[in-house]
N, C-alpha and C. Protein backbone atom coordinates (compact mmCIF):
# COMPACT_ATOMS: atom_id res chain seq x y z
N MET A 1 -13.23 58.42 -36.08
CA MET A 1 -14.51 57.82 -35.66
C MET A 1 -15.11 56.96 -36.78
N ALA A 2 -15.21 57.54 -37.98
CA ALA A 2 -15.76 56.80 -39.12
C ALA A 2 -14.88 55.62 -39.46
N LYS A 3 -13.55 55.82 -39.32
CA LYS A 3 -12.61 54.74 -39.61
C LYS A 3 -12.80 53.59 -38.64
N ASP A 4 -13.00 53.92 -37.35
CA ASP A 4 -13.21 52.89 -36.34
C ASP A 4 -14.49 52.10 -36.61
N LEU A 5 -15.56 52.82 -37.03
CA LEU A 5 -16.82 52.18 -37.33
C LEU A 5 -16.67 51.22 -38.50
N LYS A 6 -15.96 51.69 -39.52
CA LYS A 6 -15.74 50.85 -40.70
C LYS A 6 -14.94 49.61 -40.33
N SER A 7 -13.97 49.78 -39.42
CA SER A 7 -13.15 48.65 -38.99
C SER A 7 -13.98 47.63 -38.25
N ARG A 8 -14.89 48.12 -37.37
CA ARG A 8 -15.74 47.19 -36.62
C ARG A 8 -16.69 46.44 -37.53
N LEU A 9 -17.22 47.13 -38.52
CA LEU A 9 -18.12 46.49 -39.45
C LEU A 9 -17.41 45.38 -40.23
N SER A 10 -16.17 45.64 -40.60
CA SER A 10 -15.43 44.64 -41.37
C SER A 10 -15.13 43.40 -40.54
N LEU A 11 -15.06 43.61 -39.20
CA LEU A 11 -14.76 42.49 -38.33
C LEU A 11 -16.02 41.74 -37.91
N ASP A 12 -17.11 42.49 -37.70
CA ASP A 12 -18.29 41.89 -37.13
C ASP A 12 -19.31 41.41 -38.16
N THR A 13 -19.25 41.99 -39.35
CA THR A 13 -20.23 41.63 -40.36
C THR A 13 -19.87 40.30 -41.01
N VAL A 14 -20.86 39.41 -41.10
CA VAL A 14 -20.63 38.10 -41.72
C VAL A 14 -20.51 38.27 -43.23
N ASN A 15 -19.47 37.68 -43.79
CA ASN A 15 -19.24 37.74 -45.23
C ASN A 15 -20.07 36.63 -45.88
N GLU A 16 -21.09 37.03 -46.65
CA GLU A 16 -22.00 36.05 -47.26
C GLU A 16 -21.28 35.12 -48.22
N ALA A 17 -20.27 35.62 -48.90
CA ALA A 17 -19.53 34.79 -49.85
C ALA A 17 -18.81 33.66 -49.12
N ILE A 18 -18.27 33.99 -47.94
CA ILE A 18 -17.58 32.98 -47.14
C ILE A 18 -18.57 31.94 -46.63
N VAL A 19 -19.76 32.42 -46.19
CA VAL A 19 -20.80 31.50 -45.72
C VAL A 19 -21.20 30.54 -46.83
N ASP A 20 -21.44 31.07 -48.03
CA ASP A 20 -21.83 30.22 -49.17
C ASP A 20 -20.74 29.21 -49.48
N ALA A 21 -19.48 29.64 -49.39
CA ALA A 21 -18.36 28.74 -49.67
C ALA A 21 -18.28 27.63 -48.64
N LEU A 22 -18.56 27.96 -47.37
CA LEU A 22 -18.54 26.95 -46.32
C LEU A 22 -19.62 25.89 -46.55
N ILE A 23 -20.82 26.36 -46.92
CA ILE A 23 -21.93 25.44 -47.17
C ILE A 23 -21.65 24.59 -48.39
N GLU A 24 -21.13 25.22 -49.45
CA GLU A 24 -20.81 24.49 -50.68
C GLU A 24 -19.75 23.44 -50.41
N GLY A 25 -18.82 23.76 -49.52
CA GLY A 25 -17.73 22.83 -49.21
C GLY A 25 -18.22 21.55 -48.54
N LYS A 26 -19.39 21.59 -47.94
CA LYS A 26 -19.95 20.40 -47.30
C LYS A 26 -20.56 19.44 -48.31
N GLY A 27 -20.76 19.90 -49.54
CA GLY A 27 -21.27 19.02 -50.59
C GLY A 27 -22.64 18.43 -50.27
N LEU A 28 -23.56 19.28 -49.76
CA LEU A 28 -24.88 18.78 -49.37
C LEU A 28 -25.59 18.08 -50.53
N GLY A 29 -25.57 18.74 -51.70
CA GLY A 29 -26.26 18.17 -52.86
C GLY A 29 -25.69 16.83 -53.27
N LYS A 30 -24.38 16.71 -53.26
CA LYS A 30 -23.74 15.45 -53.64
C LYS A 30 -24.10 14.34 -52.67
N LYS A 31 -24.15 14.68 -51.39
CA LYS A 31 -24.49 13.67 -50.38
C LYS A 31 -25.93 13.21 -50.54
N ILE A 32 -26.83 14.16 -50.85
CA ILE A 32 -28.24 13.80 -51.05
C ILE A 32 -28.37 12.90 -52.28
N ARG A 33 -27.69 13.28 -53.37
CA ARG A 33 -27.77 12.46 -54.60
C ARG A 33 -27.22 11.06 -54.35
N ARG A 34 -26.11 10.97 -53.60
CA ARG A 34 -25.50 9.67 -53.31
C ARG A 34 -26.47 8.78 -52.54
N LEU A 35 -27.15 9.34 -51.54
CA LEU A 35 -28.12 8.58 -50.77
C LEU A 35 -29.30 8.15 -51.63
N ARG A 36 -29.75 9.06 -52.48
CA ARG A 36 -30.91 8.76 -53.33
C ARG A 36 -30.59 7.64 -54.33
N LEU A 37 -29.43 7.72 -54.97
CA LEU A 37 -29.06 6.71 -55.95
C LEU A 37 -28.78 5.36 -55.29
N LYS A 38 -28.26 5.41 -54.07
CA LYS A 38 -28.00 4.16 -53.34
C LYS A 38 -29.30 3.42 -53.08
N ARG A 39 -30.37 4.17 -52.94
CA ARG A 39 -31.69 3.57 -52.73
C ARG A 39 -32.43 3.34 -54.04
N SER A 40 -31.79 3.64 -55.18
CA SER A 40 -32.43 3.54 -56.50
C SER A 40 -33.74 4.33 -56.51
N MET A 41 -33.69 5.53 -55.95
CA MET A 41 -34.87 6.38 -55.81
C MET A 41 -34.79 7.54 -56.79
N GLY A 42 -35.88 7.81 -57.49
CA GLY A 42 -35.94 8.94 -58.41
C GLY A 42 -36.26 10.24 -57.69
N LEU A 43 -36.09 11.35 -58.39
CA LEU A 43 -36.39 12.65 -57.80
C LEU A 43 -37.87 12.79 -57.46
N VAL A 44 -38.74 12.21 -58.30
CA VAL A 44 -40.18 12.30 -58.05
C VAL A 44 -40.54 11.56 -56.77
N GLU A 45 -39.97 10.36 -56.59
CA GLU A 45 -40.26 9.57 -55.40
C GLU A 45 -39.75 10.26 -54.14
N LEU A 46 -38.52 10.79 -54.19
CA LEU A 46 -37.98 11.51 -53.04
C LEU A 46 -38.83 12.74 -52.74
N GLY A 47 -39.27 13.42 -53.81
CA GLY A 47 -40.11 14.60 -53.63
C GLY A 47 -41.39 14.30 -52.90
N ARG A 48 -42.01 13.14 -53.22
CA ARG A 48 -43.23 12.73 -52.52
C ARG A 48 -42.95 12.48 -51.04
N GLU A 49 -41.78 11.88 -50.77
CA GLU A 49 -41.44 11.54 -49.38
C GLU A 49 -41.23 12.79 -48.52
N VAL A 50 -40.61 13.81 -49.09
CA VAL A 50 -40.22 14.98 -48.29
C VAL A 50 -41.09 16.20 -48.54
N GLY A 51 -42.03 16.12 -49.52
CA GLY A 51 -42.91 17.24 -49.79
C GLY A 51 -42.24 18.37 -50.54
N LEU A 52 -41.28 18.05 -51.40
CA LEU A 52 -40.58 19.04 -52.21
C LEU A 52 -40.70 18.66 -53.68
N SER A 53 -40.64 19.65 -54.56
CA SER A 53 -40.79 19.36 -55.98
C SER A 53 -39.52 18.73 -56.53
N PRO A 54 -39.65 17.88 -57.55
CA PRO A 54 -38.47 17.27 -58.18
C PRO A 54 -37.51 18.31 -58.74
N SER A 55 -38.06 19.41 -59.28
CA SER A 55 -37.19 20.45 -59.84
C SER A 55 -36.35 21.12 -58.76
N PHE A 56 -36.96 21.34 -57.58
CA PHE A 56 -36.20 21.93 -56.47
C PHE A 56 -35.11 20.97 -56.01
N LEU A 57 -35.45 19.68 -55.91
CA LEU A 57 -34.46 18.69 -55.48
C LEU A 57 -33.31 18.59 -56.48
N SER A 58 -33.64 18.71 -57.78
CA SER A 58 -32.60 18.68 -58.80
C SER A 58 -31.64 19.86 -58.62
N GLN A 59 -32.20 21.05 -58.38
CA GLN A 59 -31.36 22.23 -58.15
C GLN A 59 -30.54 22.06 -56.88
N LEU A 60 -31.15 21.44 -55.89
CA LEU A 60 -30.46 21.21 -54.62
C LEU A 60 -29.26 20.28 -54.82
N GLU A 61 -29.47 19.19 -55.55
CA GLU A 61 -28.39 18.24 -55.79
C GLU A 61 -27.28 18.84 -56.63
N ASN A 62 -27.62 19.79 -57.48
CA ASN A 62 -26.62 20.43 -58.34
C ASN A 62 -26.01 21.68 -57.72
N GLY A 63 -26.37 21.95 -56.47
CA GLY A 63 -25.75 23.06 -55.76
C GLY A 63 -26.26 24.43 -56.14
N ARG A 64 -27.42 24.51 -56.82
CA ARG A 64 -27.95 25.80 -57.25
C ARG A 64 -28.77 26.47 -56.15
N VAL A 65 -29.28 25.67 -55.21
CA VAL A 65 -30.02 26.23 -54.08
C VAL A 65 -29.50 25.60 -52.79
N ILE A 66 -29.76 26.28 -51.69
CA ILE A 66 -29.35 25.78 -50.38
C ILE A 66 -30.60 25.42 -49.58
N PRO A 67 -30.67 24.21 -49.02
CA PRO A 67 -31.89 23.80 -48.31
C PRO A 67 -32.01 24.48 -46.96
N THR A 68 -33.25 24.65 -46.52
CA THR A 68 -33.46 25.11 -45.16
C THR A 68 -33.16 23.94 -44.22
N LEU A 69 -32.96 24.24 -42.97
CA LEU A 69 -32.67 23.20 -41.98
C LEU A 69 -33.85 22.23 -41.87
N ARG A 70 -35.07 22.74 -41.99
CA ARG A 70 -36.26 21.89 -41.91
C ARG A 70 -36.30 20.90 -43.08
N ASN A 71 -36.02 21.40 -44.30
CA ASN A 71 -36.03 20.51 -45.46
C ASN A 71 -34.91 19.47 -45.38
N LEU A 72 -33.77 19.89 -44.88
CA LEU A 72 -32.64 18.96 -44.75
C LEU A 72 -32.97 17.88 -43.72
N ALA A 73 -33.67 18.27 -42.66
CA ALA A 73 -34.07 17.31 -41.63
C ALA A 73 -35.06 16.29 -42.20
N ARG A 74 -35.95 16.74 -43.08
CA ARG A 74 -36.90 15.82 -43.72
C ARG A 74 -36.15 14.79 -44.56
N ILE A 75 -35.18 15.26 -45.33
CA ILE A 75 -34.40 14.37 -46.18
C ILE A 75 -33.61 13.38 -45.31
N ALA A 76 -33.05 13.87 -44.21
CA ALA A 76 -32.30 13.00 -43.30
C ALA A 76 -33.19 11.89 -42.75
N MET A 77 -34.43 12.21 -42.42
CA MET A 77 -35.35 11.22 -41.87
C MET A 77 -35.69 10.13 -42.89
N VAL A 78 -35.83 10.53 -44.16
CA VAL A 78 -36.14 9.55 -45.21
C VAL A 78 -35.03 8.51 -45.31
N PHE A 79 -33.78 8.97 -45.20
CA PHE A 79 -32.64 8.06 -45.37
C PHE A 79 -32.10 7.54 -44.03
N LYS A 80 -32.84 7.83 -42.94
CA LYS A 80 -32.46 7.37 -41.60
C LYS A 80 -31.03 7.80 -41.24
N LYS A 81 -30.75 9.06 -41.47
CA LYS A 81 -29.45 9.64 -41.14
C LYS A 81 -29.62 10.73 -40.09
N GLU A 82 -28.58 10.90 -39.28
CA GLU A 82 -28.56 12.05 -38.37
C GLU A 82 -28.32 13.31 -39.21
N LEU A 83 -28.83 14.44 -38.75
CA LEU A 83 -28.64 15.70 -39.46
C LEU A 83 -27.16 16.03 -39.61
N SER A 84 -26.36 15.61 -38.62
CA SER A 84 -24.92 15.90 -38.65
C SER A 84 -24.22 15.22 -39.82
N TYR A 85 -24.85 14.18 -40.40
CA TYR A 85 -24.24 13.47 -41.54
C TYR A 85 -23.93 14.44 -42.68
N PHE A 86 -24.83 15.40 -42.91
CA PHE A 86 -24.68 16.30 -44.05
C PHE A 86 -23.60 17.36 -43.83
N PHE A 87 -23.19 17.55 -42.58
CA PHE A 87 -22.20 18.59 -42.30
C PHE A 87 -20.82 18.03 -41.95
N ALA A 88 -20.72 16.70 -41.91
CA ALA A 88 -19.42 16.08 -41.61
C ALA A 88 -18.51 16.19 -42.83
N ASP A 89 -17.23 16.40 -42.59
CA ASP A 89 -16.27 16.45 -43.68
C ASP A 89 -16.14 15.08 -44.32
N GLU A 90 -16.05 15.04 -45.64
CA GLU A 90 -15.96 13.77 -46.36
C GLU A 90 -14.72 12.99 -45.97
N ASN A 91 -13.64 13.70 -45.73
CA ASN A 91 -12.38 13.03 -45.41
C ASN A 91 -12.12 12.95 -43.91
N GLU A 92 -13.19 13.15 -43.13
CA GLU A 92 -13.05 13.10 -41.66
C GLU A 92 -12.72 11.68 -41.21
N THR A 93 -11.69 11.55 -40.42
CA THR A 93 -11.30 10.25 -39.89
C THR A 93 -12.16 9.91 -38.68
N VAL A 94 -12.78 8.76 -38.72
CA VAL A 94 -13.64 8.35 -37.61
C VAL A 94 -12.79 7.77 -36.49
N PHE A 95 -12.90 8.35 -35.33
CA PHE A 95 -12.19 7.84 -34.15
C PHE A 95 -13.00 8.25 -32.94
N ARG A 96 -13.84 7.34 -32.46
CA ARG A 96 -14.71 7.63 -31.33
C ARG A 96 -14.46 6.61 -30.22
N ILE A 97 -14.59 7.07 -29.00
CA ILE A 97 -14.39 6.21 -27.84
C ILE A 97 -15.57 6.36 -26.90
N THR A 98 -16.04 5.24 -26.37
CA THR A 98 -17.05 5.28 -25.33
C THR A 98 -16.52 4.49 -24.14
N ARG A 99 -16.53 5.11 -22.98
CA ARG A 99 -16.02 4.46 -21.76
C ARG A 99 -17.10 3.56 -21.16
N ALA A 100 -16.66 2.43 -20.62
CA ALA A 100 -17.60 1.47 -20.05
C ALA A 100 -18.48 2.11 -18.98
N LYS A 101 -17.90 2.98 -18.17
CA LYS A 101 -18.65 3.58 -17.06
C LYS A 101 -19.74 4.54 -17.55
N ASN A 102 -19.62 5.01 -18.80
CA ASN A 102 -20.59 5.97 -19.33
C ASN A 102 -21.67 5.34 -20.18
N ARG A 103 -21.53 4.05 -20.51
CA ARG A 103 -22.52 3.41 -21.36
C ARG A 103 -23.78 3.07 -20.56
N ILE A 104 -24.90 3.06 -21.24
CA ILE A 104 -26.19 2.78 -20.61
C ILE A 104 -26.47 1.28 -20.70
N ARG A 105 -26.75 0.67 -19.55
CA ARG A 105 -27.06 -0.76 -19.50
C ARG A 105 -28.57 -0.92 -19.28
N LEU A 106 -29.19 -1.69 -20.14
CA LEU A 106 -30.64 -1.89 -20.08
C LEU A 106 -30.96 -3.32 -19.70
N LEU A 107 -31.77 -3.49 -18.66
CA LEU A 107 -32.21 -4.82 -18.26
C LEU A 107 -33.45 -5.18 -19.06
N MET A 108 -33.34 -6.27 -19.81
CA MET A 108 -34.44 -6.71 -20.66
C MET A 108 -34.96 -8.03 -20.10
N GLY A 109 -36.07 -7.96 -19.40
CA GLY A 109 -36.57 -9.15 -18.71
C GLY A 109 -35.69 -9.45 -17.52
N GLU A 110 -35.54 -10.75 -17.21
CA GLU A 110 -34.73 -11.15 -16.06
C GLU A 110 -33.46 -11.87 -16.49
N PHE A 111 -33.21 -11.91 -17.80
CA PHE A 111 -32.11 -12.76 -18.25
C PHE A 111 -31.16 -12.09 -19.24
N LEU A 112 -31.39 -10.82 -19.57
CA LEU A 112 -30.53 -10.17 -20.55
C LEU A 112 -30.26 -8.74 -20.15
N ILE A 113 -28.98 -8.36 -20.16
CA ILE A 113 -28.58 -6.97 -19.94
C ILE A 113 -27.90 -6.49 -21.21
N SER A 114 -28.45 -5.46 -21.82
CA SER A 114 -27.91 -4.93 -23.07
C SER A 114 -27.09 -3.68 -22.79
N ASP A 115 -25.86 -3.69 -23.26
CA ASP A 115 -24.92 -2.58 -23.07
C ASP A 115 -24.74 -1.91 -24.43
N SER A 116 -25.53 -0.87 -24.69
CA SER A 116 -25.57 -0.26 -26.01
C SER A 116 -24.30 0.52 -26.32
N MET A 117 -23.84 0.41 -27.57
CA MET A 117 -22.69 1.19 -28.04
C MET A 117 -23.06 2.00 -29.28
N SER A 118 -24.35 2.29 -29.44
CA SER A 118 -24.82 3.00 -30.62
C SER A 118 -24.23 4.40 -30.76
N VAL A 119 -23.81 4.99 -29.64
CA VAL A 119 -23.24 6.32 -29.69
C VAL A 119 -21.98 6.38 -30.55
N LEU A 120 -21.33 5.23 -30.72
CA LEU A 120 -20.12 5.19 -31.53
C LEU A 120 -20.41 5.23 -33.03
N VAL A 121 -21.62 4.83 -33.40
CA VAL A 121 -21.95 4.68 -34.81
C VAL A 121 -23.12 5.58 -35.17
N PRO A 122 -22.88 6.70 -35.85
CA PRO A 122 -23.97 7.61 -36.18
C PRO A 122 -24.93 7.04 -37.22
N ASP A 123 -24.49 6.03 -37.98
CA ASP A 123 -25.35 5.41 -38.98
C ASP A 123 -26.34 4.49 -38.28
N ARG A 124 -27.63 4.82 -38.37
CA ARG A 124 -28.64 4.05 -37.64
C ARG A 124 -28.85 2.65 -38.21
N HIS A 125 -28.27 2.37 -39.36
CA HIS A 125 -28.43 1.04 -39.94
C HIS A 125 -27.48 0.03 -39.30
N ILE A 126 -26.55 0.51 -38.49
CA ILE A 126 -25.61 -0.37 -37.79
C ILE A 126 -25.81 -0.17 -36.29
N VAL A 127 -26.19 -1.23 -35.59
CA VAL A 127 -26.47 -1.11 -34.16
C VAL A 127 -25.66 -2.16 -33.40
N PRO A 128 -24.59 -1.74 -32.71
CA PRO A 128 -23.80 -2.68 -31.91
C PRO A 128 -24.19 -2.64 -30.44
N CYS A 129 -24.09 -3.78 -29.78
CA CYS A 129 -24.31 -3.81 -28.33
C CYS A 129 -23.58 -5.02 -27.76
N VAL A 130 -23.28 -4.96 -26.47
CA VAL A 130 -22.74 -6.10 -25.74
C VAL A 130 -23.86 -6.62 -24.85
N ALA A 131 -24.17 -7.89 -24.99
CA ALA A 131 -25.29 -8.47 -24.24
C ALA A 131 -24.79 -9.50 -23.24
N ASP A 132 -25.24 -9.37 -21.99
CA ASP A 132 -24.95 -10.35 -20.94
C ASP A 132 -26.17 -11.24 -20.76
N PHE A 133 -26.02 -12.52 -21.04
CA PHE A 133 -27.11 -13.49 -20.90
C PHE A 133 -26.98 -14.14 -19.52
N LEU A 134 -28.04 -14.05 -18.73
CA LEU A 134 -28.00 -14.52 -17.35
C LEU A 134 -28.80 -15.81 -17.20
N PRO A 135 -28.24 -16.78 -16.48
CA PRO A 135 -28.97 -18.04 -16.24
C PRO A 135 -29.92 -17.88 -15.06
N GLY A 136 -30.63 -18.94 -14.77
CA GLY A 136 -31.45 -18.94 -13.56
C GLY A 136 -32.93 -18.76 -13.82
N VAL A 137 -33.33 -18.47 -15.05
CA VAL A 137 -34.75 -18.33 -15.37
C VAL A 137 -35.13 -19.47 -16.30
N ALA A 138 -36.07 -20.28 -15.89
CA ALA A 138 -36.43 -21.47 -16.66
C ALA A 138 -36.92 -21.10 -18.04
N ASP A 139 -36.35 -21.77 -19.05
CA ASP A 139 -36.75 -21.58 -20.44
C ASP A 139 -36.59 -20.14 -20.93
N ALA A 140 -35.77 -19.35 -20.24
CA ALA A 140 -35.58 -17.97 -20.66
C ALA A 140 -34.73 -17.92 -21.93
N ALA A 141 -35.17 -17.13 -22.88
CA ALA A 141 -34.43 -16.99 -24.13
C ALA A 141 -34.65 -15.59 -24.69
N PHE A 142 -33.67 -15.09 -25.41
CA PHE A 142 -33.75 -13.78 -26.05
C PHE A 142 -34.20 -13.98 -27.49
N HIS A 143 -35.33 -13.37 -27.84
CA HIS A 143 -35.86 -13.45 -29.20
C HIS A 143 -35.60 -12.11 -29.90
N PRO A 144 -34.55 -12.01 -30.71
CA PRO A 144 -34.24 -10.74 -31.39
C PRO A 144 -35.37 -10.32 -32.34
N GLN A 145 -35.43 -9.04 -32.58
CA GLN A 145 -36.43 -8.50 -33.49
C GLN A 145 -36.16 -8.98 -34.93
N ILE A 146 -37.22 -9.25 -35.67
CA ILE A 146 -37.10 -9.62 -37.07
C ILE A 146 -36.92 -8.33 -37.88
N PHE A 147 -35.94 -8.32 -38.77
CA PHE A 147 -35.68 -7.12 -39.57
C PHE A 147 -34.98 -7.52 -40.87
N PRO A 148 -35.09 -6.72 -41.92
CA PRO A 148 -34.38 -7.01 -43.17
C PRO A 148 -32.91 -6.63 -43.04
N GLY A 149 -32.04 -7.61 -43.03
CA GLY A 149 -30.62 -7.32 -42.88
C GLY A 149 -29.89 -8.54 -42.32
N LEU A 150 -28.75 -8.28 -41.70
CA LEU A 150 -27.92 -9.35 -41.14
C LEU A 150 -27.59 -9.07 -39.69
N GLU A 151 -27.31 -10.14 -38.95
CA GLU A 151 -26.93 -10.01 -37.55
C GLU A 151 -25.63 -10.78 -37.31
N LEU A 152 -24.66 -10.12 -36.70
CA LEU A 152 -23.41 -10.75 -36.34
C LEU A 152 -23.40 -10.99 -34.84
N VAL A 153 -23.05 -12.21 -34.45
CA VAL A 153 -22.94 -12.56 -33.03
C VAL A 153 -21.54 -13.09 -32.78
N TYR A 154 -20.84 -12.49 -31.81
CA TYR A 154 -19.51 -12.96 -31.42
C TYR A 154 -19.52 -13.20 -29.92
N VAL A 155 -19.26 -14.44 -29.52
CA VAL A 155 -19.30 -14.80 -28.09
C VAL A 155 -17.99 -14.39 -27.44
N ILE A 156 -18.08 -13.55 -26.43
CA ILE A 156 -16.90 -13.06 -25.71
C ILE A 156 -16.55 -14.00 -24.56
N GLU A 157 -17.55 -14.36 -23.77
CA GLU A 157 -17.34 -15.26 -22.64
C GLU A 157 -18.50 -16.25 -22.55
N GLY A 158 -18.22 -17.42 -21.99
CA GLY A 158 -19.25 -18.43 -21.79
C GLY A 158 -19.66 -19.06 -23.11
N SER A 159 -20.89 -19.56 -23.16
CA SER A 159 -21.38 -20.20 -24.38
C SER A 159 -22.88 -19.97 -24.51
N LEU A 160 -23.32 -19.88 -25.77
CA LEU A 160 -24.73 -19.63 -26.08
C LEU A 160 -25.24 -20.72 -27.01
N THR A 161 -26.53 -20.97 -26.93
CA THR A 161 -27.17 -21.79 -27.96
C THR A 161 -27.99 -20.85 -28.84
N LEU A 162 -27.80 -20.99 -30.14
CA LEU A 162 -28.53 -20.22 -31.13
C LEU A 162 -29.49 -21.18 -31.83
N SER A 163 -30.77 -20.92 -31.70
CA SER A 163 -31.77 -21.84 -32.24
C SER A 163 -32.64 -21.13 -33.27
N THR A 164 -32.90 -21.83 -34.38
CA THR A 164 -33.86 -21.40 -35.39
C THR A 164 -34.90 -22.51 -35.54
N ALA A 165 -35.81 -22.35 -36.47
CA ALA A 165 -36.82 -23.37 -36.69
C ALA A 165 -36.21 -24.66 -37.20
N ASP A 166 -35.02 -24.57 -37.83
CA ASP A 166 -34.41 -25.74 -38.47
C ASP A 166 -33.29 -26.39 -37.67
N LYS A 167 -32.58 -25.58 -36.87
CA LYS A 167 -31.41 -26.14 -36.20
C LYS A 167 -31.07 -25.39 -34.92
N THR A 168 -30.21 -26.01 -34.12
CA THR A 168 -29.67 -25.39 -32.92
C THR A 168 -28.16 -25.55 -32.93
N GLU A 169 -27.44 -24.43 -32.75
CA GLU A 169 -25.98 -24.46 -32.76
C GLU A 169 -25.46 -23.97 -31.41
N LEU A 170 -24.39 -24.61 -30.94
CA LEU A 170 -23.72 -24.18 -29.72
C LEU A 170 -22.57 -23.25 -30.10
N LEU A 171 -22.60 -22.04 -29.58
CA LEU A 171 -21.54 -21.06 -29.82
C LEU A 171 -20.74 -20.89 -28.53
N GLN A 172 -19.47 -21.24 -28.58
CA GLN A 172 -18.60 -21.10 -27.42
C GLN A 172 -17.75 -19.85 -27.55
N ALA A 173 -16.97 -19.55 -26.51
CA ALA A 173 -16.15 -18.34 -26.49
C ALA A 173 -15.31 -18.25 -27.75
N GLU A 174 -15.36 -17.07 -28.40
CA GLU A 174 -14.65 -16.72 -29.62
C GLU A 174 -15.29 -17.30 -30.88
N ASP A 175 -16.39 -18.03 -30.74
CA ASP A 175 -17.15 -18.44 -31.92
C ASP A 175 -18.00 -17.26 -32.38
N SER A 176 -18.36 -17.26 -33.66
CA SER A 176 -19.20 -16.20 -34.20
C SER A 176 -20.19 -16.78 -35.19
N ALA A 177 -21.23 -16.02 -35.47
CA ALA A 177 -22.25 -16.46 -36.42
C ALA A 177 -22.83 -15.25 -37.14
N TRP A 178 -23.07 -15.43 -38.44
CA TRP A 178 -23.83 -14.47 -39.23
C TRP A 178 -25.20 -15.10 -39.46
N ILE A 179 -26.25 -14.34 -39.30
CA ILE A 179 -27.58 -14.90 -39.51
C ILE A 179 -28.49 -13.84 -40.12
N ASP A 180 -29.37 -14.28 -40.99
CA ASP A 180 -30.32 -13.39 -41.65
C ASP A 180 -31.27 -12.80 -40.62
N GLY A 181 -31.45 -11.48 -40.66
CA GLY A 181 -32.33 -10.83 -39.69
C GLY A 181 -33.79 -11.21 -39.83
N ASN A 182 -34.15 -11.77 -40.98
CA ASN A 182 -35.53 -12.21 -41.20
C ASN A 182 -35.80 -13.59 -40.60
N THR A 183 -34.76 -14.24 -40.07
CA THR A 183 -34.90 -15.57 -39.49
C THR A 183 -35.42 -15.49 -38.06
N THR A 184 -36.44 -16.26 -37.75
CA THR A 184 -36.91 -16.35 -36.37
C THR A 184 -35.86 -17.13 -35.58
N ARG A 185 -35.33 -16.54 -34.53
CA ARG A 185 -34.20 -17.12 -33.81
C ARG A 185 -34.29 -16.77 -32.33
N LEU A 186 -33.54 -17.52 -31.53
CA LEU A 186 -33.47 -17.20 -30.11
C LEU A 186 -32.11 -17.60 -29.57
N TYR A 187 -31.67 -16.88 -28.54
CA TYR A 187 -30.41 -17.14 -27.87
C TYR A 187 -30.69 -17.45 -26.40
N ARG A 188 -29.94 -18.40 -25.85
CA ARG A 188 -30.06 -18.66 -24.42
C ARG A 188 -28.71 -19.16 -23.89
N CYS A 189 -28.51 -18.99 -22.59
CA CYS A 189 -27.29 -19.49 -21.95
C CYS A 189 -27.20 -21.00 -22.10
N HIS A 190 -25.98 -21.52 -22.12
CA HIS A 190 -25.78 -22.97 -22.21
C HIS A 190 -25.35 -23.50 -20.84
N GLU A 191 -26.01 -24.54 -20.37
CA GLU A 191 -25.67 -25.21 -19.11
C GLU A 191 -25.73 -24.27 -17.90
N ASP A 192 -26.72 -23.38 -17.88
CA ASP A 192 -26.95 -22.51 -16.73
C ASP A 192 -25.73 -21.69 -16.33
N LYS A 193 -24.92 -21.31 -17.28
CA LYS A 193 -23.77 -20.45 -17.01
C LYS A 193 -23.95 -19.14 -17.76
N PRO A 194 -23.55 -18.02 -17.16
CA PRO A 194 -23.71 -16.73 -17.84
C PRO A 194 -22.83 -16.66 -19.09
N ALA A 195 -23.24 -15.83 -20.01
CA ALA A 195 -22.48 -15.65 -21.25
C ALA A 195 -22.54 -14.19 -21.65
N ARG A 196 -21.53 -13.77 -22.38
CA ARG A 196 -21.47 -12.39 -22.89
C ARG A 196 -21.16 -12.45 -24.38
N ALA A 197 -21.86 -11.63 -25.16
CA ALA A 197 -21.65 -11.65 -26.60
C ALA A 197 -21.76 -10.23 -27.18
N LEU A 198 -21.02 -10.00 -28.24
CA LEU A 198 -21.16 -8.78 -29.02
C LEU A 198 -22.16 -9.07 -30.13
N ILE A 199 -23.20 -8.27 -30.21
CA ILE A 199 -24.21 -8.44 -31.25
C ILE A 199 -24.28 -7.15 -32.07
N VAL A 200 -24.09 -7.29 -33.38
CA VAL A 200 -24.15 -6.13 -34.28
C VAL A 200 -25.18 -6.41 -35.35
N THR A 201 -26.18 -5.54 -35.46
CA THR A 201 -27.17 -5.70 -36.51
C THR A 201 -26.89 -4.72 -37.64
N PHE A 202 -27.01 -5.21 -38.86
CA PHE A 202 -26.79 -4.41 -40.06
C PHE A 202 -28.11 -4.40 -40.85
N ALA A 203 -28.91 -3.37 -40.68
CA ALA A 203 -30.20 -3.31 -41.35
C ALA A 203 -30.02 -2.84 -42.79
N LEU A 204 -30.72 -3.48 -43.70
CA LEU A 204 -30.69 -3.06 -45.10
C LEU A 204 -31.45 -1.77 -45.26
N GLN A 205 -30.94 -0.87 -46.09
CA GLN A 205 -31.63 0.39 -46.35
C GLN A 205 -32.78 0.11 -47.29
N SER A 206 -33.94 0.63 -46.92
CA SER A 206 -35.14 0.41 -47.75
C SER A 206 -35.65 1.72 -48.30
């Protein structure tokens, strides 16, 4: 009887040493330090952002303490990361697929349908989508949001005109353009024909 109880305890009881090893293996502190240094942010500044002391953050980065889920979520929000970022294996191979039938299509006005593919990219600083530009609306144009970063446009079908305050360029099928996200710009169909383009925004981390 006592032997059976001891056996069950050995099977059912969580081994704290194994738990600590699993958490340490995720390198939470190293990932936090990497994000902080990439932003050229000091421990004091990060501490103000998340409401934690610089000394605690230093211990956290050096693996001497383990953060609570709430504190880790605060840090993730500062760096615009999903919470899962901290638990992903460093050597994990990225291979994600999204089926066309499962993607969400958003109608923006009467002339643009946005087919978001953000589910493929957990990094919120990279936002890809496929946009269908529809003709038939007089003077209709898509005015992208102004943001610090870059925008890549690749025309899949049809042709688009890309206009800024200084110039207007015609982008035909398989043409592409890089443009500063801080530039006031607009896209519209060319010659009343529909067009489709891949648009990827790369926001700078601030």
